[in-house]
Amino acid sequence: MEFFEGLGWIGNIVLSIGVIPQVWKTWRSHDVSSFSWSFLLMWCSGVFMVFIYIVHDNIVDKSFQWSLWLNYLVNILGTTYLVFAKIKYRKLKPKAESL
């Protein structure tokens, strides 16, 4: 694996797992008060649009960048959950976090 491909994989792994702590915290606490709708909708739609672009470009070129697919698929799942949680938990009072 060449240096820049390895760098791309590491960067995309870091970006894809970056959403996991927020999803986990939201799952446990049901606290969605800090998420603005504009942030969630822009993040979710932006990630989805870039993923469609990557898929199209990869299919046309017949060259697949799997590290990008991983990053964007994980982010699509994470942001979709956060939008769902914002809808589901919007009226709930947040649970106290345990130590």
PDB file of N, CA and C in Angstrom:
ATOM      1  N   MET A   1       0.854  -1.175   0.000  1.00  0.00           N
ATOM      2  CA  MET A   1       0.000   0.000   0.000  1.00  0.00           C
ATOM      3  C   MET A   1       0.899   1.237   0.000  1.00  0.00           C
ATOM      4  N   GLU A   2       0.652   2.120  -0.896  1.00  0.00           N
ATOM      5  CA  GLU A   2       1.491   3.316  -0.948  1.00  0.00           C
ATOM      6  C   GLU A   2       1.123   4.285   0.170  1.00  0.00           C
ATOM      7  N   PHE A   3       2.019   5.201   0.457  1.00  0.00           N
ATOM      8  CA  PHE A   3       1.876   6.124   1.584  1.00  0.00           C
ATOM      9  C   PHE A   3       0.554   6.894   1.535  1.00  0.00           C
ATOM     10  N   PHE A   4       0.213   7.495   0.413  1.00  0.00           N
ATOM     11  CA  PHE A   4      -0.979   8.337   0.344  1.00  0.00           C
ATOM     12  C   PHE A   4      -2.270   7.534   0.451  1.00  0.00           C
ATOM     13  N   GLU A   5      -2.257   6.311  -0.048  1.00  0.00           N
ATOM     14  CA  GLU A   5      -3.429   5.448   0.115  1.00  0.00           C
ATOM     15  C   GLU A   5      -3.602   5.084   1.591  1.00  0.00           C
ATOM     16  N   GLY A   6      -2.506   4.775   2.260  1.00  0.00           N
ATOM     17  CA  GLY A   6      -2.553   4.483   3.695  1.00  0.00           C
ATOM     18  C   GLY A   6      -3.026   5.678   4.496  1.00  0.00           C
ATOM     19  N   LEU A   7      -2.531   6.849   4.130  1.00  0.00           N
ATOM     20  CA  LEU A   7      -2.960   8.081   4.787  1.00  0.00           C
ATOM     21  C   LEU A   7      -4.462   8.297   4.594  1.00  0.00           C
ATOM     22  N   GLY A   8      -4.949   8.038   3.393  1.00  0.00           N
ATOM     23  CA  GLY A   8      -6.382   8.157   3.111  1.00  0.00           C
ATOM     24  C   GLY A   8      -7.209   7.193   3.940  1.00  0.00           C
ATOM     25  N   TRP A   9      -6.750   5.955   4.061  1.00  0.00           N
ATOM     26  CA  TRP A   9      -7.464   4.975   4.874  1.00  0.00           C
ATOM     27  C   TRP A   9      -7.521   5.400   6.340  1.00  0.00           C
ATOM     28  N   ILE A  10      -6.390   5.822   6.865  1.00  0.00           N
ATOM     29  CA  ILE A  10      -6.352   6.245   8.276  1.00  0.00           C
ATOM     30  C   ILE A  10      -7.271   7.442   8.492  1.00  0.00           C
ATOM     31  N   GLY A  11      -7.202   8.421   7.608  1.00  0.00           N
ATOM     32  CA  GLY A  11      -8.063   9.603   7.733  1.00  0.00           C
ATOM     33  C   GLY A  11      -9.535   9.265   7.654  1.00  0.00           C
ATOM     34  N   ASN A  12      -9.905   8.393   6.725  1.00  0.00           N
ATOM     35  CA  ASN A  12     -11.314   8.018   6.591  1.00  0.00           C
ATOM     36  C   ASN A  12     -11.799   7.168   7.757  1.00  0.00           C
ATOM     37  N   ILE A  13     -10.937   6.352   8.319  1.00  0.00           N
ATOM     38  CA  ILE A  13     -11.321   5.577   9.508  1.00  0.00           C
ATOM     39  C   ILE A  13     -11.556   6.529  10.681  1.00  0.00           C
ATOM     40  N   VAL A  14     -10.655   7.481  10.871  1.00  0.00           N
ATOM     41  CA  VAL A  14     -10.829   8.459  11.951  1.00  0.00           C
ATOM     42  C   VAL A  14     -12.132   9.240  11.756  1.00  0.00           C
ATOM     43  N   LEU A  15     -12.395   9.695  10.530  1.00  0.00           N
ATOM     44  CA  LEU A  15     -13.627  10.442  10.266  1.00  0.00           C
ATOM     45  C   LEU A  15     -14.867   9.578  10.459  1.00  0.00           C
ATOM     46  N   SER A  16     -14.794   8.317  10.066  1.00  0.00           N
ATOM     47  CA  SER A  16     -15.980   7.474  10.185  1.00  0.00           C
ATOM     48  C   SER A  16     -16.271   7.106  11.634  1.00  0.00           C
ATOM     49  N   ILE A  17     -15.246   6.902  12.449  1.00  0.00           N
ATOM     50  CA  ILE A  17     -15.524   6.571  13.849  1.00  0.00           C
ATOM     51  C   ILE A  17     -15.781   7.827  14.685  1.00  0.00           C
ATOM     52  N   GLY A  18     -15.529   8.990  14.117  1.00  0.00           N
ATOM     53  CA  GLY A  18     -15.760  10.242  14.841  1.00  0.00           C
ATOM     54  C   GLY A  18     -17.212  10.459  15.223  1.00  0.00           C
ATOM     55  N   VAL A  19     -18.144   9.907  14.470  1.00  0.00           N
ATOM     56  CA  VAL A  19     -19.567  10.073  14.765  1.00  0.00           C
ATOM     57  C   VAL A  19     -20.024   9.113  15.869  1.00  0.00           C
ATOM     58  N   ILE A  20     -19.292   8.046  16.095  1.00  0.00           N
ATOM     59  CA  ILE A  20     -19.720   7.000  17.030  1.00  0.00           C
ATOM     60  C   ILE A  20     -19.860   7.494  18.474  1.00  0.00           C
ATOM     61  N   PRO A  21     -18.915   8.279  19.021  1.00  0.00           N
ATOM     62  CA  PRO A  21     -19.111   8.753  20.401  1.00  0.00           C
ATOM     63  C   PRO A  21     -20.390   9.590  20.571  1.00  0.00           C
ATOM     64  N   GLN A  22     -20.735  10.398  19.576  1.00  0.00           N
ATOM     65  CA  GLN A  22     -21.951  11.201  19.683  1.00  0.00           C
ATOM     66  C   GLN A  22     -23.194  10.329  19.601  1.00  0.00           C
ATOM     67  N   VAL A  23     -23.177   9.351  18.712  1.00  0.00           N
ATOM     68  CA  VAL A  23     -24.305   8.422  18.607  1.00  0.00           C
ATOM     69  C   VAL A  23     -24.454   7.658  19.924  1.00  0.00           C
ATOM     70  N   TRP A  24     -23.358   7.181  20.477  1.00  0.00           N
ATOM     71  CA  TRP A  24     -23.406   6.430  21.735  1.00  0.00           C
ATOM     72  C   TRP A  24     -23.951   7.292  22.873  1.00  0.00           C
ATOM     73  N   LYS A  25     -23.449   8.522  22.979  1.00  0.00           N
ATOM     74  CA  LYS A  25     -23.909   9.421  24.041  1.00  0.00           C
ATOM     75  C   LYS A  25     -25.397   9.722  23.889  1.00  0.00           C
ATOM     76  N   THR A  26     -25.838   9.954  22.659  1.00  0.00           N
ATOM     77  CA  THR A  26     -27.250  10.242  22.412  1.00  0.00           C
ATOM     78  C   THR A  26     -28.099   9.017  22.718  1.00  0.00           C
ATOM     79  N   TRP A  27     -27.635   7.837  22.340  1.00  0.00           N
ATOM     80  CA  TRP A  27     -28.343   6.588  22.590  1.00  0.00           C
ATOM     81  C   TRP A  27     -28.558   6.391  24.097  1.00  0.00           C
ATOM     82  N   ARG A  28     -27.508   6.650  24.873  1.00  0.00           N
ATOM     83  CA  ARG A  28     -27.584   6.423  26.320  1.00  0.00           C
ATOM     84  C   ARG A  28     -28.360   7.507  27.052  1.00  0.00           C
ATOM     85  N   SER A  29     -28.178   8.758  26.687  1.00  0.00           N
ATOM     86  CA  SER A  29     -28.771   9.864  27.445  1.00  0.00           C
ATOM     87  C   SER A  29     -30.115  10.336  26.893  1.00  0.00           C
ATOM     88  N   HIS A  30     -30.374  10.065  25.630  1.00  0.00           N
ATOM     89  CA  HIS A  30     -31.559  10.590  24.926  1.00  0.00           C
ATOM     90  C   HIS A  30     -31.583  12.112  24.903  1.00  0.00           C
ATOM     91  N   ASP A  31     -30.429  12.718  25.092  1.00  0.00           N
ATOM     92  CA  ASP A  31     -30.325  14.180  25.081  1.00  0.00           C
ATOM     93  C   ASP A  31     -29.992  14.661  23.673  1.00  0.00           C
ATOM     94  N   VAL A  32     -30.939  15.330  23.062  1.00  0.00           N
ATOM     95  CA  VAL A  32     -30.748  15.863  21.710  1.00  0.00           C
ATOM     96  C   VAL A  32     -30.857  17.381  21.702  1.00  0.00           C
ATOM     97  N   SER A  33     -30.895  17.961  22.878  1.00  0.00           N
ATOM     98  CA  SER A  33     -31.122  19.406  22.984  1.00  0.00           C
ATOM     99  C   SER A  33     -30.001  20.230  22.355  1.00  0.00           C
ATOM    100  N   SER A  34     -28.805  19.702  22.293  1.00  0.00           N
ATOM    101  CA  SER A  34     -27.692  20.486  21.753  1.00  0.00           C
ATOM    102  C   SER A  34     -27.607  20.449  20.229  1.00  0.00           C
ATOM    103  N   PHE A  35     -28.400  19.590  19.587  1.00  0.00           N
ATOM    104  CA  PHE A  35     -28.365  19.496  18.128  1.00  0.00           C
ATOM    105  C   PHE A  35     -29.352  20.469  17.512  1.00  0.00           C
ATOM    106  N   SER A  36     -28.865  21.337  16.666  1.00  0.00           N
ATOM    107  CA  SER A  36     -29.793  22.200  15.929  1.00  0.00           C
ATOM    108  C   SER A  36     -30.245  21.455  14.679  1.00  0.00           C
ATOM    109  N   TRP A  37     -31.478  21.711  14.273  1.00  0.00           N
ATOM    110  CA  TRP A  37     -31.995  21.068  13.071  1.00  0.00           C
ATOM    111  C   TRP A  37     -31.157  21.429  11.854  1.00  0.00           C
ATOM    112  N   SER A  38     -30.736  22.682  11.758  1.00  0.00           N
ATOM    113  CA  SER A  38     -29.956  23.081  10.581  1.00  0.00           C
ATOM    114  C   SER A  38     -28.647  22.301  10.505  1.00  0.00           C
ATOM    115  N   PHE A  39     -27.970  22.117  11.638  1.00  0.00           N
ATOM    116  CA  PHE A  39     -26.735  21.339  11.667  1.00  0.00           C
ATOM    117  C   PHE A  39     -26.991  19.904  11.222  1.00  0.00           C
ATOM    118  N   LEU A  40     -27.975  19.251  11.843  1.00  0.00           N
ATOM    119  CA  LEU A  40     -28.238  17.847  11.534  1.00  0.00           C
ATOM    120  C   LEU A  40     -28.635  17.645  10.077  1.00  0.00           C
ATOM    121  N   LEU A  41     -29.525  18.484   9.580  1.00  0.00           N
ATOM    122  CA  LEU A  41     -30.004  18.308   8.208  1.00  0.00           C
ATOM    123  C   LEU A  41     -28.920  18.629   7.179  1.00  0.00           C
ATOM    124  N   MET A  42     -28.105  19.655   7.446  1.00  0.00           N
ATOM    125  CA  MET A  42     -27.008  19.959   6.514  1.00  0.00           C
ATOM    126  C   MET A  42     -25.956  18.856   6.536  1.00  0.00           C
ATOM    127  N   TRP A  43     -25.608  18.371   7.721  1.00  0.00           N
ATOM    128  CA  TRP A  43     -24.610  17.315   7.838  1.00  0.00           C
ATOM    129  C   TRP A  43     -25.108  16.042   7.157  1.00  0.00           C
ATOM    130  N   CYS A  44     -26.322  15.636   7.458  1.00  0.00           N
ATOM    131  CA  CYS A  44     -26.876  14.409   6.900  1.00  0.00           C
ATOM    132  C   CYS A  44     -27.006  14.504   5.377  1.00  0.00           C
ATOM    133  N   SER A  45     -27.572  15.583   4.882  1.00  0.00           N
ATOM    134  CA  SER A  45     -27.750  15.711   3.427  1.00  0.00           C
ATOM    135  C   SER A  45     -26.406  15.871   2.722  1.00  0.00           C
ATOM    136  N   GLY A  46     -25.473  16.600   3.314  1.00  0.00           N
ATOM    137  CA  GLY A  46     -24.150  16.765   2.716  1.00  0.00           C
ATOM    138  C   GLY A  46     -23.407  15.446   2.596  1.00  0.00           C
ATOM    139  N   VAL A  47     -23.427  14.661   3.656  1.00  0.00           N
ATOM    140  CA  VAL A  47     -22.767  13.347   3.645  1.00  0.00           C
ATOM    141  C   VAL A  47     -23.407  12.456   2.581  1.00  0.00           C
ATOM    142  N   PHE A  48     -24.732  12.472   2.507  1.00  0.00           N
ATOM    143  CA  PHE A  48     -25.442  11.640   1.533  1.00  0.00           C
ATOM    144  C   PHE A  48     -25.110  12.064   0.098  1.00  0.00           C
ATOM    145  N   MET A  49     -25.100  13.373  -0.162  1.00  0.00           N
ATOM    146  CA  MET A  49     -24.801  13.852  -1.522  1.00  0.00           C
ATOM    147  C   MET A  49     -23.372  13.527  -1.945  1.00  0.00           C
ATOM    148  N   VAL A  50     -22.411  13.688  -1.039  1.00  0.00           N
ATOM    149  CA  VAL A  50     -21.025  13.355  -1.371  1.00  0.00           C
ATOM    150  C   VAL A  50     -20.891  11.857  -1.609  1.00  0.00           C
ATOM    151  N   PHE A  51     -21.604  11.043  -0.832  1.00  0.00           N
ATOM    152  CA  PHE A  51     -21.559   9.596  -1.035  1.00  0.00           C
ATOM    153  C   PHE A  51     -22.092   9.225  -2.418  1.00  0.00           C
ATOM    154  N   ILE A  52     -23.198   9.826  -2.835  1.00  0.00           N
ATOM    155  CA  ILE A  52     -23.747   9.569  -4.172  1.00  0.00           C
ATOM    156  C   ILE A  52     -22.720   9.962  -5.242  1.00  0.00           C
ATOM    157  N   TYR A  53     -22.063  11.094  -5.053  1.00  0.00           N
ATOM    158  CA  TYR A  53     -21.026  11.543  -5.988  1.00  0.00           C
ATOM    159  C   TYR A  53     -19.893  10.506  -6.074  1.00  0.00           C
ATOM    160  N   ILE A  54     -19.436  10.034  -4.916  1.00  0.00           N
ATOM    161  CA  ILE A  54     -18.342   9.058  -4.890  1.00  0.00           C
ATOM    162  C   ILE A  54     -18.756   7.759  -5.578  1.00  0.00           C
ATOM    163  N   VAL A  55     -19.953   7.274  -5.275  1.00  0.00           N
ATOM    164  CA  VAL A  55     -20.440   6.039  -5.885  1.00  0.00           C
ATOM    165  C   VAL A  55     -20.504   6.200  -7.403  1.00  0.00           C
ATOM    166  N   HIS A  56     -21.086   7.291  -7.866  1.00  0.00           N
ATOM    167  CA  HIS A  56     -21.198   7.531  -9.308  1.00  0.00           C
ATOM    168  C   HIS A  56     -19.816   7.584  -9.953  1.00  0.00           C
ATOM    169  N   ASP A  57     -18.930   8.374  -9.367  1.00  0.00           N
ATOM    170  CA  ASP A  57     -17.578   8.537  -9.909  1.00  0.00           C
ATOM    171  C   ASP A  57     -16.830   7.199  -9.932  1.00  0.00           C
ATOM    172  N   ASN A  58     -16.962   6.424  -8.862  1.00  0.00           N
ATOM    173  CA  ASN A  58     -16.286   5.123  -8.797  1.00  0.00           C
ATOM    174  C   ASN A  58     -16.832   4.151  -9.823  1.00  0.00           C
ATOM    175  N   ILE A  59     -18.133   4.157 -10.053  1.00  0.00           N
ATOM    176  CA  ILE A  59     -18.736   3.263 -11.040  1.00  0.00           C
ATOM    177  C   ILE A  59     -18.287   3.658 -12.447  1.00  0.00           C
ATOM    178  N   VAL A  60     -18.282   4.950 -12.737  1.00  0.00           N
ATOM    179  CA  VAL A  60     -17.861   5.424 -14.062  1.00  0.00           C
ATOM    180  C   VAL A  60     -16.401   5.073 -14.314  1.00  0.00           C
ATOM    181  N   ASP A  61     -15.537   5.318 -13.332  1.00  0.00           N
ATOM    182  CA  ASP A  61     -14.097   5.051 -13.483  1.00  0.00           C
ATOM    183  C   ASP A  61     -13.726   3.585 -13.288  1.00  0.00           C
ATOM    184  N   LYS A  62     -14.659   2.785 -12.775  1.00  0.00           N
ATOM    185  CA  LYS A  62     -14.395   1.384 -12.431  1.00  0.00           C
ATOM    186  C   LYS A  62     -13.197   1.255 -11.488  1.00  0.00           C
ATOM    187  N   SER A  63     -13.106   2.225 -10.599  1.00  0.00           N
ATOM    188  CA  SER A  63     -12.044   2.266  -9.606  1.00  0.00           C
ATOM    189  C   SER A  63     -12.696   2.645  -8.276  1.00  0.00           C
ATOM    190  N   PHE A  64     -12.722   1.711  -7.345  1.00  0.00           N
ATOM    191  CA  PHE A  64     -13.469   1.931  -6.113  1.00  0.00           C
ATOM    192  C   PHE A  64     -12.560   2.359  -4.972  1.00  0.00           C
ATOM    193  N   GLN A  65     -12.950   3.417  -4.311  1.00  0.00           N
ATOM    194  CA  GLN A  65     -12.223   3.939  -3.160  1.00  0.00           C
ATOM    195  C   GLN A  65     -12.964   3.485  -1.904  1.00  0.00           C
ATOM    196  N   TRP A  66     -12.648   2.283  -1.454  1.00  0.00           N
ATOM    197  CA  TRP A  66     -13.392   1.671  -0.364  1.00  0.00           C
ATOM    198  C   TRP A  66     -13.268   2.433   0.937  1.00  0.00           C
ATOM    199  N   SER A  67     -12.162   3.130   1.151  1.00  0.00           N
ATOM    200  CA  SER A  67     -12.027   3.900   2.396  1.00  0.00           C
ATOM    201  C   SER A  67     -13.052   5.033   2.440  1.00  0.00           C
ATOM    202  N   LEU A  68     -13.340   5.642   1.300  1.00  0.00           N
ATOM    203  CA  LEU A  68     -14.368   6.688   1.256  1.00  0.00           C
ATOM    204  C   LEU A  68     -15.754   6.099   1.461  1.00  0.00           C
ATOM    205  N   TRP A  69     -15.991   4.937   0.881  1.00  0.00           N
ATOM    206  CA  TRP A  69     -17.287   4.272   1.059  1.00  0.00           C
ATOM    207  C   TRP A  69     -17.521   3.999   2.549  1.00  0.00           C
ATOM    208  N   LEU A  70     -16.488   3.467   3.225  1.00  0.00           N
ATOM    209  CA  LEU A  70     -16.591   3.187   4.660  1.00  0.00           C
ATOM    210  C   LEU A  70     -16.938   4.454   5.427  1.00  0.00           C
ATOM    211  N   ASN A  71     -16.183   5.505   5.205  1.00  0.00           N
ATOM    212  CA  ASN A  71     -16.393   6.767   5.901  1.00  0.00           C
ATOM    213  C   ASN A  71     -17.816   7.267   5.710  1.00  0.00           C
ATOM    214  N   TYR A  72     -18.257   7.341   4.478  1.00  0.00           N
ATOM    215  CA  TYR A  72     -19.563   7.937   4.219  1.00  0.00           C
ATOM    216  C   TYR A  72     -20.710   7.022   4.628  1.00  0.00           C
ATOM    217  N   LEU A  73     -20.573   5.720   4.503  1.00  0.00           N
ATOM    218  CA  LEU A  73     -21.639   4.824   4.957  1.00  0.00           C
ATOM    219  C   LEU A  73     -21.824   4.903   6.474  1.00  0.00           C
ATOM    220  N   VAL A  74     -20.721   4.900   7.210  1.00  0.00           N
ATOM    221  CA  VAL A  74     -20.806   5.005   8.668  1.00  0.00           C
ATOM    222  C   VAL A  74     -21.413   6.357   9.051  1.00  0.00           C
ATOM    223  N   ASN A  75     -21.003   7.433   8.381  1.00  0.00           N
ATOM    224  CA  ASN A  75     -21.550   8.748   8.690  1.00  0.00           C
ATOM    225  C   ASN A  75     -23.022   8.865   8.307  1.00  0.00           C
ATOM    226  N   ILE A  76     -23.425   8.241   7.206  1.00  0.00           N
ATOM    227  CA  ILE A  76     -24.849   8.249   6.838  1.00  0.00           C
ATOM    228  C   ILE A  76     -25.662   7.541   7.916  1.00  0.00           C
ATOM    229  N   LEU A  77     -25.201   6.386   8.367  1.00  0.00           N
ATOM    230  CA  LEU A  77     -25.909   5.662   9.431  1.00  0.00           C
ATOM    231  C   LEU A  77     -25.955   6.480  10.727  1.00  0.00           C
ATOM    232  N   GLY A  78     -24.818   7.048  11.095  1.00  0.00           N
ATOM    233  CA  GLY A  78     -24.759   7.835  12.335  1.00  0.00           C
ATOM    234  C   GLY A  78     -25.624   9.071  12.295  1.00  0.00           C
ATOM    235  N   THR A  79     -25.544   9.827  11.222  1.00  0.00           N
ATOM    236  CA  THR A  79     -26.339  11.061  11.138  1.00  0.00           C
ATOM    237  C   THR A  79     -27.825  10.755  10.993  1.00  0.00           C
ATOM    238  N   THR A  80     -28.157   9.661  10.303  1.00  0.00           N
ATOM    239  CA  THR A  80     -29.564   9.272  10.193  1.00  0.00           C
ATOM    240  C   THR A  80     -30.116   8.927  11.571  1.00  0.00           C
ATOM    241  N   TYR A  81     -29.325   8.208  12.372  1.00  0.00           N
ATOM    242  CA  TYR A  81     -29.767   7.915  13.738  1.00  0.00           C
ATOM    243  C   TYR A  81     -29.955   9.208  14.531  1.00  0.00           C
ATOM    244  N   LEU A  82     -29.034  10.153  14.416  1.00  0.00           N
ATOM    245  CA  LEU A  82     -29.145  11.398  15.184  1.00  0.00           C
ATOM    246  C   LEU A  82     -30.385  12.193  14.779  1.00  0.00           C
ATOM    247  N   VAL A  83     -30.728  12.195  13.491  1.00  0.00           N
ATOM    248  CA  VAL A  83     -31.965  12.853  13.048  1.00  0.00           C
ATOM    249  C   VAL A  83     -33.169  12.126  13.642  1.00  0.00           C
ATOM    250  N   PHE A  84     -33.163  10.789  13.577  1.00  0.00           N
ATOM    251  CA  PHE A  84     -34.230   9.991  14.173  1.00  0.00           C
ATOM    252  C   PHE A  84     -34.351  10.297  15.669  1.00  0.00           C
ATOM    253  N   ALA A  85     -33.227  10.333  16.367  1.00  0.00           N
ATOM    254  CA  ALA A  85     -33.227  10.601  17.807  1.00  0.00           C
ATOM    255  C   ALA A  85     -33.760  12.001  18.097  1.00  0.00           C
ATOM    256  N   LYS A  86     -33.405  12.963  17.275  1.00  0.00           N
ATOM    257  CA  LYS A  86     -33.896  14.337  17.465  1.00  0.00           C
ATOM    258  C   LYS A  86     -35.420  14.359  17.383  1.00  0.00           C
ATOM    259  N   ILE A  87     -35.976  13.580  16.475  1.00  0.00           N
ATOM    260  CA  ILE A  87     -37.437  13.506  16.352  1.00  0.00           C
ATOM    261  C   ILE A  87     -38.033  12.738  17.541  1.00  0.00           C
ATOM    262  N   LYS A  88     -37.473  11.589  17.853  1.00  0.00           N
ATOM    263  CA  LYS A  88     -38.031  10.723  18.893  1.00  0.00           C
ATOM    264  C   LYS A  88     -37.891  11.301  20.298  1.00  0.00           C
ATOM    265  N   TYR A  89     -36.743  11.882  20.614  1.00  0.00           N
ATOM    266  CA  TYR A  89     -36.450  12.309  21.980  1.00  0.00           C
ATOM    267  C   TYR A  89     -36.611  13.806  22.205  1.00  0.00           C
ATOM    268  N   ARG A  90     -37.145  14.545  21.254  1.00  0.00           N
ATOM    269  CA  ARG A  90     -37.203  16.007  21.374  1.00  0.00           C
ATOM    270  C   ARG A  90     -37.977  16.489  22.586  1.00  0.00           C
ATOM    271  N   LYS A  91     -38.953  15.723  23.067  1.00  0.00           N
ATOM    272  CA  LYS A  91     -39.765  16.174  24.194  1.00  0.00           C
ATOM    273  C   LYS A  91     -39.367  15.515  25.505  1.00  0.00           C
ATOM    274  N   LEU A  92     -38.420  14.592  25.434  1.00  0.00           N
ATOM    275  CA  LEU A  92     -37.989  13.917  26.649  1.00  0.00           C
ATOM    276  C   LEU A  92     -36.961  14.755  27.390  1.00  0.00           C
ATOM    277  N   LYS A  93     -37.001  14.674  28.704  1.00  0.00           N
ATOM    278  CA  LYS A  93     -35.976  15.317  29.517  1.00  0.00           C
ATOM    279  C   LYS A  93     -34.744  14.411  29.495  1.00  0.00           C
ATOM    280  N   PRO A  94     -33.537  14.970  29.317  1.00  0.00           N
ATOM    281  CA  PRO A  94     -32.342  14.118  29.251  1.00  0.00           C
ATOM    282  C   PRO A  94     -32.124  13.337  30.546  1.00  0.00           C
ATOM    283  N   LYS A  95     -31.643  12.088  30.379  1.00  0.00           N
ATOM    284  CA  LYS A  95     -31.278  11.279  31.547  1.00  0.00           C
ATOM    285  C   LYS A  95     -29.958  11.793  32.106  1.00  0.00           C
ATOM    286  N   ALA A  96     -29.798  11.671  33.402  1.00  0.00           N
ATOM    287  CA  ALA A  96     -28.523  12.054  34.014  1.00  0.00           C
ATOM    288  C   ALA A  96     -27.477  11.025  33.600  1.00  0.00           C
ATOM    289  N   GLU A  97     -26.298  11.519  33.235  1.00  0.00           N
ATOM    290  CA  GLU A  97     -25.220  10.604  32.852  1.00  0.00           C
ATOM    291  C   GLU A  97     -24.633   9.962  34.092  1.00  0.00           C
ATOM    292  N   SER A  98     -24.371   8.669  34.000  1.00  0.00           N
ATOM    293  CA  SER A  98     -23.752   7.965  35.125  1.00  0.00           C
ATOM    294  C   SER A  98     -22.241   8.030  34.983  1.00  0.00           C
ATOM    295  N   LEU A  99     -21.575   7.925  36.108  1.00  0.00           N
ATOM    296  CA  LEU A  99     -20.116   7.966  36.106  1.00  0.00           C
ATOM    297  C   LEU A  99     -19.600   6.675  35.701  1.00  0.00           C
TER     298      LEU A  99
END
